[in-house]
Amino acid sequence: MFVEDNGALLQEAKKYIASGDVRSAINSLISFTNRPENKFYYNPSLQLQSRYSSFIQEKLRGTLSHQEETLQLNKISNDAITLIDEILKYKSM
């Protein structure tokens, strides 16, 4: 059963992405998927977190052009939204 609290975490994650706060969005997603009833989505959430951490490290090292930085961040954001939508679709069945 889809618990309203869980739905709130996912909606919160989407709002964070919309405002450009990808780190907080991923943290909300991990909080959601770290619950026993949502464990199926935990690994994809951790993969997003890992990709985001790698992105931040590359950005801080200055190894990314502005175009590469934008592209990587957009891919991570898009993948997070796709995962959230997949979870919401599955949980609403």
PDB file of N, CA and C in Angstrom:
ATOM      1  N   MET A   1       0.842  -1.191   0.000  1.00  0.00           N
ATOM      2  CA  MET A   1       0.000   0.000   0.000  1.00  0.00           C
ATOM      3  C   MET A   1       0.885   1.251   0.000  1.00  0.00           C
ATOM      4  N   PHE A   2       0.494   2.215  -0.759  1.00  0.00           N
ATOM      5  CA  PHE A   2       1.245   3.457  -0.892  1.00  0.00           C
ATOM      6  C   PHE A   2       0.900   4.384   0.264  1.00  0.00           C
ATOM      7  N   VAL A   3       1.870   4.656   1.091  1.00  0.00           N
ATOM      8  CA  VAL A   3       1.660   5.498   2.268  1.00  0.00           C
ATOM      9  C   VAL A   3       1.808   6.965   1.864  1.00  0.00           C
ATOM     10  N   GLU A   4       0.923   7.805   2.330  1.00  0.00           N
ATOM     11  CA  GLU A   4       0.934   9.228   1.956  1.00  0.00           C
ATOM     12  C   GLU A   4       2.273   9.892   2.248  1.00  0.00           C
ATOM     13  N   ASP A   5       2.894   9.531   3.375  1.00  0.00           N
ATOM     14  CA  ASP A   5       4.208  10.072   3.704  1.00  0.00           C
ATOM     15  C   ASP A   5       5.212   9.816   2.593  1.00  0.00           C
ATOM     16  N   ASN A   6       5.171   8.584   2.058  1.00  0.00           N
ATOM     17  CA  ASN A   6       6.072   8.234   0.970  1.00  0.00           C
ATOM     18  C   ASN A   6       5.823   9.119  -0.241  1.00  0.00           C
ATOM     19  N   GLY A   7       4.568   9.313  -0.580  1.00  0.00           N
ATOM     20  CA  GLY A   7       4.230  10.173  -1.710  1.00  0.00           C
ATOM     21  C   GLY A   7       4.722  11.593  -1.492  1.00  0.00           C
ATOM     22  N   ALA A   8       4.653  12.050  -0.261  1.00  0.00           N
ATOM     23  CA  ALA A   8       5.122  13.402   0.052  1.00  0.00           C
ATOM     24  C   ALA A   8       6.626  13.525  -0.174  1.00  0.00           C
ATOM     25  N   LEU A   9       7.384  12.482   0.194  1.00  0.00           N
ATOM     26  CA  LEU A   9       8.834  12.514  -0.031  1.00  0.00           C
ATOM     27  C   LEU A   9       9.155  12.598  -1.514  1.00  0.00           C
ATOM     28  N   LEU A  10       8.410  11.865  -2.319  1.00  0.00           N
ATOM     29  CA  LEU A  10       8.655  11.874  -3.760  1.00  0.00           C
ATOM     30  C   LEU A  10       8.272  13.215  -4.384  1.00  0.00           C
ATOM     31  N   GLN A  11       7.151  13.767  -3.953  1.00  0.00           N
ATOM     32  CA  GLN A  11       6.749  15.084  -4.459  1.00  0.00           C
ATOM     33  C   GLN A  11       7.750  16.157  -4.028  1.00  0.00           C
ATOM     34  N   GLU A  12       8.253  16.015  -2.815  1.00  0.00           N
ATOM     35  CA  GLU A  12       9.287  16.934  -2.318  1.00  0.00           C
ATOM     36  C   GLU A  12      10.535  16.840  -3.200  1.00  0.00           C
ATOM     37  N   ALA A  13      10.913  15.630  -3.562  1.00  0.00           N
ATOM     38  CA  ALA A  13      12.084  15.426  -4.421  1.00  0.00           C
ATOM     39  C   ALA A  13      11.895  16.114  -5.770  1.00  0.00           C
ATOM     40  N   LYS A  14      10.700  15.998  -6.330  1.00  0.00           N
ATOM     41  CA  LYS A  14      10.421  16.663  -7.608  1.00  0.00           C
ATOM     42  C   LYS A  14      10.528  18.182  -7.482  1.00  0.00           C
ATOM     43  N   LYS A  15      10.040  18.712  -6.375  1.00  0.00           N
ATOM     44  CA  LYS A  15      10.129  20.161  -6.156  1.00  0.00           C
ATOM     45  C   LYS A  15      11.580  20.606  -6.041  1.00  0.00           C
ATOM     46  N   TYR A  16      12.393  19.803  -5.359  1.00  0.00           N
ATOM     47  CA  TYR A  16      13.813  20.125  -5.248  1.00  0.00           C
ATOM     48  C   TYR A  16      14.470  20.162  -6.621  1.00  0.00           C
ATOM     49  N   ILE A  17      14.145  19.195  -7.456  1.00  0.00           N
ATOM     50  CA  ILE A  17      14.726  19.167  -8.804  1.00  0.00           C
ATOM     51  C   ILE A  17      14.300  20.400  -9.579  1.00  0.00           C
ATOM     52  N   ALA A  18      13.023  20.740  -9.483  1.00  0.00           N
ATOM     53  CA  ALA A  18      12.507  21.915 -10.194  1.00  0.00           C
ATOM     54  C   ALA A  18      13.214  23.194  -9.765  1.00  0.00           C
ATOM     55  N   SER A  19      13.653  23.240  -8.513  1.00  0.00           N
ATOM     56  CA  SER A  19      14.340  24.436  -8.019  1.00  0.00           C
ATOM     57  C   SER A  19      15.859  24.344  -8.197  1.00  0.00           C
ATOM     58  N   GLY A  20      16.335  23.229  -8.762  1.00  0.00           N
ATOM     59  CA  GLY A  20      17.763  23.080  -9.016  1.00  0.00           C
ATOM     60  C   GLY A  20      18.559  22.469  -7.878  1.00  0.00           C
ATOM     61  N   ASP A  21      17.877  21.996  -6.860  1.00  0.00           N
ATOM     62  CA  ASP A  21      18.554  21.406  -5.701  1.00  0.00           C
ATOM     63  C   ASP A  21      18.566  19.884  -5.835  1.00  0.00           C
ATOM     64  N   VAL A  22      19.444  19.392  -6.703  1.00  0.00           N
ATOM     65  CA  VAL A  22      19.502  17.960  -7.017  1.00  0.00           C
ATOM     66  C   VAL A  22      19.952  17.152  -5.804  1.00  0.00           C
ATOM     67  N   ARG A  23      20.877  17.668  -5.040  1.00  0.00           N
ATOM     68  CA  ARG A  23      21.355  16.942  -3.853  1.00  0.00           C
ATOM     69  C   ARG A  23      20.205  16.643  -2.886  1.00  0.00           C
ATOM     70  N   SER A  24      19.391  17.631  -2.588  1.00  0.00           N
ATOM     71  CA  SER A  24      18.261  17.416  -1.678  1.00  0.00           C
ATOM     72  C   SER A  24      17.244  16.460  -2.281  1.00  0.00           C
ATOM     73  N   ALA A  25      17.051  16.536  -3.592  1.00  0.00           N
ATOM     74  CA  ALA A  25      16.123  15.628  -4.261  1.00  0.00           C
ATOM     75  C   ALA A  25      16.592  14.186  -4.107  1.00  0.00           C
ATOM     76  N   ILE A  26      17.865  13.944  -4.318  1.00  0.00           N
ATOM     77  CA  ILE A  26      18.403  12.591  -4.189  1.00  0.00           C
ATOM     78  C   ILE A  26      18.322  12.128  -2.738  1.00  0.00           C
ATOM     79  N   ASN A  27      18.572  13.016  -1.797  1.00  0.00           N
ATOM     80  CA  ASN A  27      18.450  12.649  -0.378  1.00  0.00           C
ATOM     81  C   ASN A  27      17.016  12.247  -0.027  1.00  0.00           C
ATOM     82  N   SER A  28      16.034  12.963  -0.555  1.00  0.00           N
ATOM     83  CA  SER A  28      14.624  12.599  -0.325  1.00  0.00           C
ATOM     84  C   SER A  28      14.309  11.253  -0.958  1.00  0.00           C
ATOM     85  N   LEU A  29      14.837  11.031  -2.144  1.00  0.00           N
ATOM     86  CA  LEU A  29      14.621   9.764  -2.836  1.00  0.00           C
ATOM     87  C   LEU A  29      15.230   8.606  -2.060  1.00  0.00           C
ATOM     88  N   ILE A  30      16.406   8.808  -1.513  1.00  0.00           N
ATOM     89  CA  ILE A  30      17.050   7.762  -0.716  1.00  0.00           C
ATOM     90  C   ILE A  30      16.278   7.519   0.582  1.00  0.00           C
ATOM     91  N   SER A  31      15.770   8.566   1.189  1.00  0.00           N
ATOM     92  CA  SER A  31      14.943   8.390   2.393  1.00  0.00           C
ATOM     93  C   SER A  31      13.714   7.545   2.082  1.00  0.00           C
ATOM     94  N   PHE A  32      13.122   7.784   0.925  1.00  0.00           N
ATOM     95  CA  PHE A  32      11.956   7.003   0.512  1.00  0.00           C
ATOM     96  C   PHE A  32      12.328   5.551   0.252  1.00  0.00           C
ATOM     97  N   THR A  33      13.385   5.326  -0.494  1.00  0.00           N
ATOM     98  CA  THR A  33      13.734   3.968  -0.909  1.00  0.00           C
ATOM     99  C   THR A  33      14.412   3.159   0.183  1.00  0.00           C
ATOM    100  N   ASN A  34      14.815   3.792   1.259  1.00  0.00           N
ATOM    101  CA  ASN A  34      15.465   3.090   2.358  1.00  0.00           C
ATOM    102  C   ASN A  34      14.457   2.422   3.293  1.00  0.00           C
ATOM    103  N   ARG A  35      13.187   2.544   2.997  1.00  0.00           N
ATOM    104  CA  ARG A  35      12.139   1.895   3.782  1.00  0.00           C
ATOM    105  C   ARG A  35      11.919   0.479   3.241  1.00  0.00           C
ATOM    106  N   PRO A  36      11.623  -0.473   4.124  1.00  0.00           N
ATOM    107  CA  PRO A  36      11.497  -1.877   3.691  1.00  0.00           C
ATOM    108  C   PRO A  36      10.548  -2.095   2.516  1.00  0.00           C
ATOM    109  N   GLU A  37       9.441  -1.383   2.492  1.00  0.00           N
ATOM    110  CA  GLU A  37       8.460  -1.589   1.425  1.00  0.00           C
ATOM    111  C   GLU A  37       8.902  -0.989   0.082  1.00  0.00           C
ATOM    112  N   ASN A  38       9.991  -0.243   0.102  1.00  0.00           N
ATOM    113  CA  ASN A  38      10.457   0.425  -1.123  1.00  0.00           C
ATOM    114  C   ASN A  38      11.876   0.023  -1.524  1.00  0.00           C
ATOM    115  N   LYS A  39      12.401  -1.018  -0.901  1.00  0.00           N
ATOM    116  CA  LYS A  39      13.798  -1.435  -1.108  1.00  0.00           C
ATOM    117  C   LYS A  39      14.142  -1.725  -2.573  1.00  0.00           C
ATOM    118  N   PHE A  40      13.154  -2.116  -3.361  1.00  0.00           N
ATOM    119  CA  PHE A  40      13.383  -2.427  -4.766  1.00  0.00           C
ATOM    120  C   PHE A  40      14.033  -1.253  -5.497  1.00  0.00           C
ATOM    121  N   TYR A  41      13.757  -0.040  -5.049  1.00  0.00           N
ATOM    122  CA  TYR A  41      14.266   1.170  -5.708  1.00  0.00           C
ATOM    123  C   TYR A  41      15.503   1.748  -5.030  1.00  0.00           C
ATOM    124  N   TYR A  42      16.008   1.069  -4.012  1.00  0.00           N
ATOM    125  CA  TYR A  42      17.136   1.607  -3.249  1.00  0.00           C
ATOM    126  C   TYR A  42      18.420   1.674  -4.086  1.00  0.00           C
ATOM    127  N   ASN A  43      18.758   0.593  -4.799  1.00  0.00           N
ATOM    128  CA  ASN A  43      19.988   0.595  -5.599  1.00  0.00           C
ATOM    129  C   ASN A  43      19.997   1.661  -6.688  1.00  0.00           C
ATOM    130  N   PRO A  44      18.904   1.817  -7.444  1.00  0.00           N
ATOM    131  CA  PRO A  44      18.910   2.908  -8.430  1.00  0.00           C
ATOM    132  C   PRO A  44      19.095   4.290  -7.787  1.00  0.00           C
ATOM    133  N   SER A  45      18.560   4.457  -6.587  1.00  0.00           N
ATOM    134  CA  SER A  45      18.732   5.735  -5.868  1.00  0.00           C
ATOM    135  C   SER A  45      20.186   5.942  -5.465  1.00  0.00           C
ATOM    136  N   LEU A  46      20.824   4.882  -4.998  1.00  0.00           N
ATOM    137  CA  LEU A  46      22.243   4.972  -4.633  1.00  0.00           C
ATOM    138  C   LEU A  46      23.110   5.242  -5.852  1.00  0.00           C
ATOM    139  N   GLN A  47      22.739   4.674  -6.987  1.00  0.00           N
ATOM    140  CA  GLN A  47      23.485   4.935  -8.215  1.00  0.00           C
ATOM    141  C   GLN A  47      23.391   6.407  -8.606  1.00  0.00           C
ATOM    142  N   LEU A  48      22.215   6.981  -8.451  1.00  0.00           N
ATOM    143  CA  LEU A  48      22.060   8.415  -8.715  1.00  0.00           C
ATOM    144  C   LEU A  48      22.933   9.240  -7.775  1.00  0.00           C
ATOM    145  N   GLN A  49      22.943   8.855  -6.505  1.00  0.00           N
ATOM    146  CA  GLN A  49      23.761   9.567  -5.529  1.00  0.00           C
ATOM    147  C   GLN A  49      25.241   9.472  -5.896  1.00  0.00           C
ATOM    148  N   SER A  50      25.670   8.301  -6.321  1.00  0.00           N
ATOM    149  CA  SER A  50      27.060   8.105  -6.719  1.00  0.00           C
ATOM    150  C   SER A  50      27.409   8.954  -7.936  1.00  0.00           C
ATOM    151  N   ARG A  51      26.538   8.965  -8.913  1.00  0.00           N
ATOM    152  CA  ARG A  51      26.774   9.788 -10.109  1.00  0.00           C
ATOM    153  C   ARG A  51      26.839  11.264  -9.745  1.00  0.00           C
ATOM    154  N   TYR A  52      25.955  11.694  -8.845  1.00  0.00           N
ATOM    155  CA  TYR A  52      25.952  13.102  -8.442  1.00  0.00           C
ATOM    156  C   TYR A  52      27.241  13.448  -7.687  1.00  0.00           C
ATOM    157  N   SER A  53      27.675  12.561  -6.807  1.00  0.00           N
ATOM    158  CA  SER A  53      28.922  12.802  -6.063  1.00  0.00           C
ATOM    159  C   SER A  53      30.115  12.888  -7.007  1.00  0.00           C
ATOM    160  N   SER A  54      30.170  12.002  -7.987  1.00  0.00           N
ATOM    161  CA  SER A  54      31.253  12.035  -8.974  1.00  0.00           C
ATOM    162  C   SER A  54      31.214  13.328  -9.777  1.00  0.00           C
ATOM    163  N   PHE A  55      30.008  13.746 -10.124  1.00  0.00           N
ATOM    164  CA  PHE A  55      29.833  15.001 -10.854  1.00  0.00           C
ATOM    165  C   PHE A  55      30.378  16.186 -10.045  1.00  0.00           C
ATOM    166  N   ILE A  56      30.023  16.231  -8.775  1.00  0.00           N
ATOM    167  CA  ILE A  56      30.484  17.332  -7.908  1.00  0.00           C
ATOM    168  C   ILE A  56      32.007  17.329  -7.804  1.00  0.00           C
ATOM    169  N   GLN A  57      32.608  16.143  -7.656  1.00  0.00           N
ATOM    170  CA  GLN A  57      34.069  16.056  -7.573  1.00  0.00           C
ATOM    171  C   GLN A  57      34.720  16.571  -8.854  1.00  0.00           C
ATOM    172  N   GLU A  58      34.185  16.168  -9.999  1.00  0.00           N
ATOM    173  CA  GLU A  58      34.737  16.641 -11.272  1.00  0.00           C
ATOM    174  C   GLU A  58      34.565  18.150 -11.411  1.00  0.00           C
ATOM    175  N   LYS A  59      33.423  18.642 -10.988  1.00  0.00           N
ATOM    176  CA  LYS A  59      33.152  20.078 -11.059  1.00  0.00           C
ATOM    177  C   LYS A  59      34.143  20.855 -10.189  1.00  0.00           C
ATOM    178  N   LEU A  60      34.377  20.371  -8.974  1.00  0.00           N
ATOM    179  CA  LEU A  60      35.302  21.045  -8.060  1.00  0.00           C
ATOM    180  C   LEU A  60      36.747  21.005  -8.568  1.00  0.00           C
ATOM    181  N   ARG A  61      37.103  19.921  -9.262  1.00  0.00           N
ATOM    182  CA  ARG A  61      38.445  19.818  -9.839  1.00  0.00           C
ATOM    183  C   ARG A  61      38.615  20.708 -11.060  1.00  0.00           C
ATOM    184  N   GLY A  62      37.485  21.154 -11.602  1.00  0.00           N
ATOM    185  CA  GLY A  62      37.538  22.008 -12.783  1.00  0.00           C
ATOM    186  C   GLY A  62      37.795  21.241 -14.068  1.00  0.00           C
ATOM    187  N   THR A  63      37.461  19.953 -14.076  1.00  0.00           N
ATOM    188  CA  THR A  63      37.739  19.129 -15.252  1.00  0.00           C
ATOM    189  C   THR A  63      36.597  19.117 -16.262  1.00  0.00           C
ATOM    190  N   LEU A  64      35.514  19.808 -15.955  1.00  0.00           N
ATOM    191  CA  LEU A  64      34.364  19.839 -16.857  1.00  0.00           C
ATOM    192  C   LEU A  64      34.215  21.210 -17.491  1.00  0.00           C
ATOM    193  N   SER A  65      33.919  21.220 -18.784  1.00  0.00           N
ATOM    194  CA  SER A  65      33.557  22.482 -19.416  1.00  0.00           C
ATOM    195  C   SER A  65      32.154  22.848 -18.935  1.00  0.00           C
ATOM    196  N   HIS A  66      31.766  24.076 -19.164  1.00  0.00           N
ATOM    197  CA  HIS A  66      30.424  24.503 -18.753  1.00  0.00           C
ATOM    198  C   HIS A  66      29.364  23.652 -19.441  1.00  0.00           C
ATOM    199  N   GLN A  67      29.584  23.338 -20.703  1.00  0.00           N
ATOM    200  CA  GLN A  67      28.636  22.531 -21.458  1.00  0.00           C
ATOM    201  C   GLN A  67      28.548  21.110 -20.888  1.00  0.00           C
ATOM    202  N   GLU A  68      29.673  20.504 -20.552  1.00  0.00           N
ATOM    203  CA  GLU A  68      29.685  19.157 -19.969  1.00  0.00           C
ATOM    204  C   GLU A  68      29.013  19.158 -18.596  1.00  0.00           C
ATOM    205  N   GLU A  69      29.282  20.202 -17.836  1.00  0.00           N
ATOM    206  CA  GLU A  69      28.685  20.329 -16.500  1.00  0.00           C
ATOM    207  C   GLU A  69      27.159  20.375 -16.595  1.00  0.00           C
ATOM    208  N   THR A  70      26.670  21.210 -17.494  1.00  0.00           N
ATOM    209  CA  THR A  70      25.227  21.342 -17.686  1.00  0.00           C
ATOM    210  C   THR A  70      24.612  20.030 -18.162  1.00  0.00           C
ATOM    211  N   LEU A  71      25.273  19.379 -19.104  1.00  0.00           N
ATOM    212  CA  LEU A  71      24.767  18.123 -19.647  1.00  0.00           C
ATOM    213  C   LEU A  71      24.695  17.032 -18.577  1.00  0.00           C
ATOM    214  N   GLN A  72      25.765  16.882 -17.798  1.00  0.00           N
ATOM    215  CA  GLN A  72      25.775  15.853 -16.750  1.00  0.00           C
ATOM    216  C   GLN A  72      24.698  16.107 -15.701  1.00  0.00           C
ATOM    217  N   LEU A  73      24.585  17.344 -15.270  1.00  0.00           N
ATOM    218  CA  LEU A  73      23.583  17.674 -14.256  1.00  0.00           C
ATOM    219  C   LEU A  73      22.167  17.444 -14.789  1.00  0.00           C
ATOM    220  N   ASN A  74      21.937  17.803 -16.044  1.00  0.00           N
ATOM    221  CA  ASN A  74      20.628  17.567 -16.652  1.00  0.00           C
ATOM    222  C   ASN A  74      20.313  16.081 -16.763  1.00  0.00           C
ATOM    223  N   LYS A  75      21.310  15.269 -17.089  1.00  0.00           N
ATOM    224  CA  LYS A  75      21.095  13.821 -17.181  1.00  0.00           C
ATOM    225  C   LYS A  75      20.746  13.237 -15.815  1.00  0.00           C
ATOM    226  N   ILE A  76      21.463  13.657 -14.797  1.00  0.00           N
ATOM    227  CA  ILE A  76      21.187  13.170 -13.440  1.00  0.00           C
ATOM    228  C   ILE A  76      19.789  13.599 -12.997  1.00  0.00           C
ATOM    229  N   SER A  77      19.441  14.849 -13.244  1.00  0.00           N
ATOM    230  CA  SER A  77      18.110  15.357 -12.879  1.00  0.00           C
ATOM    231  C   SER A  77      17.022  14.596 -13.619  1.00  0.00           C
ATOM    232  N   ASN A  78      17.220  14.385 -14.915  1.00  0.00           N
ATOM    233  CA  ASN A  78      16.235  13.671 -15.718  1.00  0.00           C
ATOM    234  C   ASN A  78      16.070  12.225 -15.231  1.00  0.00           C
ATOM    235  N   ASP A  79      17.177  11.565 -14.920  1.00  0.00           N
ATOM    236  CA  ASP A  79      17.103  10.194 -14.425  1.00  0.00           C
ATOM    237  C   ASP A  79      16.400  10.122 -13.069  1.00  0.00           C
ATOM    238  N   ALA A  80      16.607  11.132 -12.242  1.00  0.00           N
ATOM    239  CA  ALA A  80      15.917  11.174 -10.948  1.00  0.00           C
ATOM    240  C   ALA A  80      14.412  11.333 -11.148  1.00  0.00           C
ATOM    241  N   ILE A  81      14.018  12.217 -12.043  1.00  0.00           N
ATOM    242  CA  ILE A  81      12.593  12.415 -12.323  1.00  0.00           C
ATOM    243  C   ILE A  81      11.985  11.144 -12.907  1.00  0.00           C
ATOM    244  N   THR A  82      12.712  10.489 -13.797  1.00  0.00           N
ATOM    245  CA  THR A  82      12.226   9.239 -14.389  1.00  0.00           C
ATOM    246  C   THR A  82      12.014   8.175 -13.317  1.00  0.00           C
ATOM    247  N   LEU A  83      12.957   8.058 -12.397  1.00  0.00           N
ATOM    248  CA  LEU A  83      12.830   7.087 -11.310  1.00  0.00           C
ATOM    249  C   LEU A  83      11.643   7.432 -10.406  1.00  0.00           C
ATOM    250  N   ILE A  84      11.495   8.682 -10.064  1.00  0.00           N
ATOM    251  CA  ILE A  84      10.374   9.110  -9.225  1.00  0.00           C
ATOM    252  C   ILE A  84       9.045   8.797  -9.915  1.00  0.00           C
ATOM    253  N   ASP A  85       8.947   9.125 -11.205  1.00  0.00           N
ATOM    254  CA  ASP A  85       7.712   8.847 -11.940  1.00  0.00           C
ATOM    255  C   ASP A  85       7.425   7.355 -12.021  1.00  0.00           C
ATOM    256  N   GLU A  86       8.470   6.555 -12.187  1.00  0.00           N
ATOM    257  CA  GLU A  86       8.300   5.102 -12.225  1.00  0.00           C
ATOM    258  C   GLU A  86       7.765   4.591 -10.890  1.00  0.00           C
ATOM    259  N   ILE A  87       8.331   5.098  -9.807  1.00  0.00           N
ATOM    260  CA  ILE A  87       7.867   4.685  -8.472  1.00  0.00           C
ATOM    261  C   ILE A  87       6.418   5.099  -8.258  1.00  0.00           C
ATOM    262  N   LEU A  88       6.097   6.342  -8.594  1.00  0.00           N
ATOM    263  CA  LEU A  88       4.726   6.822  -8.406  1.00  0.00           C
ATOM    264  C   LEU A  88       3.741   6.007  -9.237  1.00  0.00           C
ATOM    265  N   LYS A  89       4.118   5.671 -10.448  1.00  0.00           N
ATOM    266  CA  LYS A  89       3.253   4.876 -11.325  1.00  0.00           C
ATOM    267  C   LYS A  89       3.041   3.489 -10.732  1.00  0.00           C
ATOM    268  N   TYR A  90       4.124   2.853 -10.292  1.00  0.00           N
ATOM    269  CA  TYR A  90       4.032   1.514  -9.725  1.00  0.00           C
ATOM    270  C   TYR A  90       3.230   1.513  -8.431  1.00  0.00           C
ATOM    271  N   LYS A  91       3.488   2.497  -7.570  1.00  0.00           N
ATOM    272  CA  LYS A  91       2.818   2.538  -6.263  1.00  0.00           C
ATOM    273  C   LYS A  91       1.340   2.886  -6.371  1.00  0.00           C
ATOM    274  N   SER A  92       0.931   3.527  -7.464  1.00  0.00           N
ATOM    275  CA  SER A  92      -0.475   3.896  -7.593  1.00  0.00           C
ATOM    276  C   SER A  92      -1.326   2.768  -8.176  1.00  0.00           C
ATOM    277  N   MET A  93      -0.685   1.676  -8.585  1.00  0.00           N
ATOM    278  CA  MET A  93      -1.427   0.537  -9.159  1.00  0.00           C
ATOM    279  C   MET A  93      -2.190  -0.204  -8.095  1.00  0.00           C
TER     280      MET A  93
END
